[in-house]
N, C-alpha and C. Protein backbone atom coordinates (compact mmCIF):
# COMPACT_ATOMS: atom_id res chain seq x y z
N UNK A 1 -37.20 -32.71 -34.37
CA UNK A 1 -38.63 -32.64 -34.38
C UNK A 1 -39.02 -31.19 -34.03
N UNK A 2 -40.07 -30.71 -34.66
CA UNK A 2 -40.61 -29.38 -34.37
C UNK A 2 -41.64 -29.53 -33.25
N UNK A 3 -41.56 -28.65 -32.26
CA UNK A 3 -42.48 -28.66 -31.12
C UNK A 3 -43.04 -27.25 -30.92
N UNK A 4 -44.13 -27.14 -30.18
CA UNK A 4 -44.67 -25.83 -29.80
C UNK A 4 -44.85 -25.80 -28.29
N UNK A 5 -44.73 -24.62 -27.73
CA UNK A 5 -44.96 -24.42 -26.30
C UNK A 5 -45.76 -23.13 -26.17
N UNK A 6 -46.85 -23.19 -25.44
CA UNK A 6 -47.76 -22.05 -25.29
C UNK A 6 -47.62 -21.47 -23.88
N UNK A 7 -47.60 -20.15 -23.81
CA UNK A 7 -47.54 -19.45 -22.53
C UNK A 7 -48.71 -18.48 -22.48
N UNK A 8 -49.50 -18.55 -21.41
CA UNK A 8 -50.67 -17.69 -21.24
C UNK A 8 -50.57 -16.91 -19.94
N UNK A 9 -50.95 -15.64 -19.98
CA UNK A 9 -51.02 -14.87 -18.74
C UNK A 9 -52.09 -15.47 -17.83
N UNK A 10 -51.82 -15.45 -16.54
CA UNK A 10 -52.82 -15.82 -15.54
C UNK A 10 -52.86 -14.70 -14.51
N UNK A 11 -53.72 -14.85 -13.52
CA UNK A 11 -53.78 -13.85 -12.46
C UNK A 11 -52.49 -13.78 -11.67
N UNK A 12 -51.71 -14.86 -11.67
CA UNK A 12 -50.52 -14.92 -10.83
C UNK A 12 -49.20 -15.03 -11.59
N UNK A 13 -49.24 -15.17 -12.92
CA UNK A 13 -47.98 -15.29 -13.64
C UNK A 13 -48.04 -14.62 -15.01
N UNK A 14 -46.90 -14.15 -15.45
CA UNK A 14 -46.78 -13.44 -16.71
C UNK A 14 -46.29 -14.38 -17.81
N UNK A 15 -47.00 -14.39 -18.93
CA UNK A 15 -46.58 -15.20 -20.07
C UNK A 15 -45.21 -14.76 -20.55
N UNK A 16 -44.96 -13.47 -20.56
CA UNK A 16 -43.67 -12.95 -21.03
C UNK A 16 -42.51 -13.48 -20.20
N UNK A 17 -42.66 -13.45 -18.90
CA UNK A 17 -41.60 -13.93 -18.01
C UNK A 17 -41.32 -15.41 -18.25
N UNK A 18 -42.37 -16.21 -18.31
CA UNK A 18 -42.17 -17.66 -18.50
C UNK A 18 -41.64 -17.98 -19.89
N UNK A 19 -42.08 -17.25 -20.92
CA UNK A 19 -41.56 -17.48 -22.27
C UNK A 19 -40.08 -17.13 -22.35
N UNK A 20 -39.70 -16.00 -21.73
CA UNK A 20 -38.29 -15.61 -21.75
C UNK A 20 -37.42 -16.62 -21.01
N UNK A 21 -37.91 -17.16 -19.91
CA UNK A 21 -37.16 -18.19 -19.19
C UNK A 21 -36.98 -19.43 -20.05
N UNK A 22 -38.03 -19.82 -20.76
CA UNK A 22 -37.96 -20.98 -21.64
C UNK A 22 -36.99 -20.74 -22.78
N UNK A 23 -37.09 -19.57 -23.42
CA UNK A 23 -36.21 -19.24 -24.54
C UNK A 23 -34.75 -19.17 -24.13
N UNK A 24 -34.48 -18.76 -22.90
CA UNK A 24 -33.10 -18.68 -22.42
C UNK A 24 -32.45 -20.06 -22.38
N UNK A 25 -33.25 -21.11 -22.29
CA UNK A 25 -32.72 -22.47 -22.26
C UNK A 25 -32.52 -23.08 -23.63
N UNK A 26 -32.93 -22.37 -24.69
CA UNK A 26 -32.76 -22.87 -26.05
C UNK A 26 -31.57 -22.22 -26.73
N UNK A 27 -31.00 -22.90 -27.69
CA UNK A 27 -29.98 -22.30 -28.55
C UNK A 27 -30.70 -21.49 -29.62
N UNK A 28 -30.06 -20.45 -30.11
CA UNK A 28 -30.68 -19.59 -31.13
C UNK A 28 -31.17 -20.38 -32.33
N UNK A 29 -30.40 -21.38 -32.76
CA UNK A 29 -30.78 -22.13 -33.95
C UNK A 29 -31.97 -23.07 -33.72
N UNK A 30 -32.36 -23.26 -32.46
CA UNK A 30 -33.53 -24.08 -32.17
C UNK A 30 -34.83 -23.31 -32.35
N UNK A 31 -34.80 -22.01 -32.25
CA UNK A 31 -36.02 -21.19 -32.32
C UNK A 31 -36.45 -21.05 -33.77
N UNK A 32 -37.68 -21.48 -34.07
CA UNK A 32 -38.23 -21.38 -35.41
C UNK A 32 -39.06 -20.11 -35.53
N UNK A 33 -39.93 -19.85 -34.54
CA UNK A 33 -40.80 -18.68 -34.59
C UNK A 33 -41.35 -18.40 -33.19
N UNK A 34 -41.69 -17.15 -32.95
CA UNK A 34 -42.36 -16.75 -31.72
C UNK A 34 -43.55 -15.90 -32.14
N UNK A 35 -44.74 -16.30 -31.71
CA UNK A 35 -45.97 -15.59 -32.04
C UNK A 35 -46.56 -15.01 -30.76
N UNK A 36 -47.14 -13.81 -30.88
CA UNK A 36 -47.64 -13.10 -29.71
C UNK A 36 -49.01 -12.53 -30.01
N UNK A 37 -49.89 -12.59 -29.03
CA UNK A 37 -51.20 -11.97 -29.15
C UNK A 37 -51.63 -11.45 -27.80
N UNK A 38 -52.50 -10.45 -27.81
CA UNK A 38 -53.00 -9.93 -26.54
C UNK A 38 -54.44 -9.46 -26.71
N UNK A 39 -55.16 -9.46 -25.60
CA UNK A 39 -56.54 -8.97 -25.57
C UNK A 39 -56.71 -8.13 -24.31
N UNK A 40 -57.72 -7.31 -24.30
CA UNK A 40 -58.10 -6.58 -23.09
C UNK A 40 -59.26 -7.33 -22.46
N UNK A 41 -59.16 -7.56 -21.17
CA UNK A 41 -60.20 -8.30 -20.44
C UNK A 41 -60.73 -7.40 -19.34
N UNK A 42 -62.04 -7.41 -19.16
CA UNK A 42 -62.66 -6.61 -18.11
C UNK A 42 -62.85 -7.44 -16.86
N UNK A 43 -62.63 -6.82 -15.72
CA UNK A 43 -62.88 -7.50 -14.45
C UNK A 43 -64.30 -7.17 -14.01
N UNK A 44 -64.73 -7.78 -12.93
CA UNK A 44 -66.08 -7.58 -12.41
C UNK A 44 -66.33 -6.12 -12.07
N UNK A 45 -65.31 -5.42 -11.57
CA UNK A 45 -65.49 -4.02 -11.18
C UNK A 45 -65.35 -3.06 -12.36
N UNK A 46 -65.17 -3.59 -13.58
CA UNK A 46 -65.10 -2.76 -14.77
C UNK A 46 -63.71 -2.34 -15.19
N UNK A 47 -62.71 -2.64 -14.39
CA UNK A 47 -61.34 -2.29 -14.76
C UNK A 47 -60.88 -3.21 -15.89
N UNK A 48 -60.08 -2.69 -16.80
CA UNK A 48 -59.57 -3.49 -17.89
C UNK A 48 -58.11 -3.85 -17.67
N UNK A 49 -57.72 -5.01 -18.12
CA UNK A 49 -56.32 -5.41 -18.04
C UNK A 49 -55.98 -6.29 -19.23
N UNK A 50 -54.73 -6.29 -19.59
CA UNK A 50 -54.26 -7.02 -20.75
C UNK A 50 -53.92 -8.46 -20.40
N UNK A 51 -54.29 -9.36 -21.30
CA UNK A 51 -53.89 -10.77 -21.20
C UNK A 51 -53.10 -11.10 -22.45
N UNK A 52 -51.98 -11.79 -22.28
CA UNK A 52 -51.11 -12.12 -23.40
C UNK A 52 -51.02 -13.63 -23.60
N UNK A 53 -50.80 -14.00 -24.84
CA UNK A 53 -50.55 -15.39 -25.20
C UNK A 53 -49.32 -15.40 -26.11
N UNK A 54 -48.38 -16.29 -25.81
CA UNK A 54 -47.15 -16.41 -26.59
C UNK A 54 -46.98 -17.86 -26.99
N UNK A 55 -46.71 -18.08 -28.26
CA UNK A 55 -46.47 -19.42 -28.77
C UNK A 55 -45.04 -19.48 -29.30
N UNK A 56 -44.26 -20.42 -28.78
CA UNK A 56 -42.88 -20.60 -29.23
C UNK A 56 -42.82 -21.89 -30.05
N UNK A 57 -42.36 -21.76 -31.28
CA UNK A 57 -42.15 -22.92 -32.15
C UNK A 57 -40.64 -23.16 -32.16
N UNK A 58 -40.23 -24.39 -31.83
CA UNK A 58 -38.81 -24.66 -31.68
C UNK A 58 -38.46 -26.08 -32.12
N UNK A 59 -37.18 -26.29 -32.38
CA UNK A 59 -36.68 -27.60 -32.78
C UNK A 59 -36.07 -28.31 -31.57
N UNK A 60 -36.30 -29.61 -31.49
CA UNK A 60 -35.65 -30.42 -30.47
C UNK A 60 -34.62 -31.30 -31.16
N UNK A 61 -33.79 -31.95 -30.40
CA UNK A 61 -32.79 -32.85 -30.96
C UNK A 61 -33.37 -34.19 -31.35
N UNK A 62 -34.63 -34.43 -31.00
CA UNK A 62 -35.26 -35.71 -31.29
C UNK A 62 -35.69 -35.74 -32.75
N UNK A 63 -35.63 -36.93 -33.34
CA UNK A 63 -36.14 -37.08 -34.70
C UNK A 63 -37.42 -37.89 -34.64
N UNK A 64 -38.21 -37.74 -35.66
CA UNK A 64 -39.47 -38.46 -35.74
C UNK A 64 -39.42 -39.36 -36.97
N UNK A 65 -38.91 -40.57 -36.83
CA UNK A 65 -38.77 -41.45 -38.00
C UNK A 65 -40.12 -41.80 -38.59
N UNK A 66 -40.15 -41.90 -39.90
CA UNK A 66 -41.41 -42.20 -40.60
C UNK A 66 -41.50 -43.67 -40.89
């Protein structure tokens, strides 16, 4: 079965770190695609910082009978 897992940056955690940890637990042949996007977000004091979103598309060993 094909599945997706989304990782988003938060104030306390990095999407990149969590995505890499997740990918480390998969076999290479399970990974279908990895998509990445980022935006700049302004804080109240006007400082800008990057927010990232990562989507991992992967195969599981489960089948989905029709």
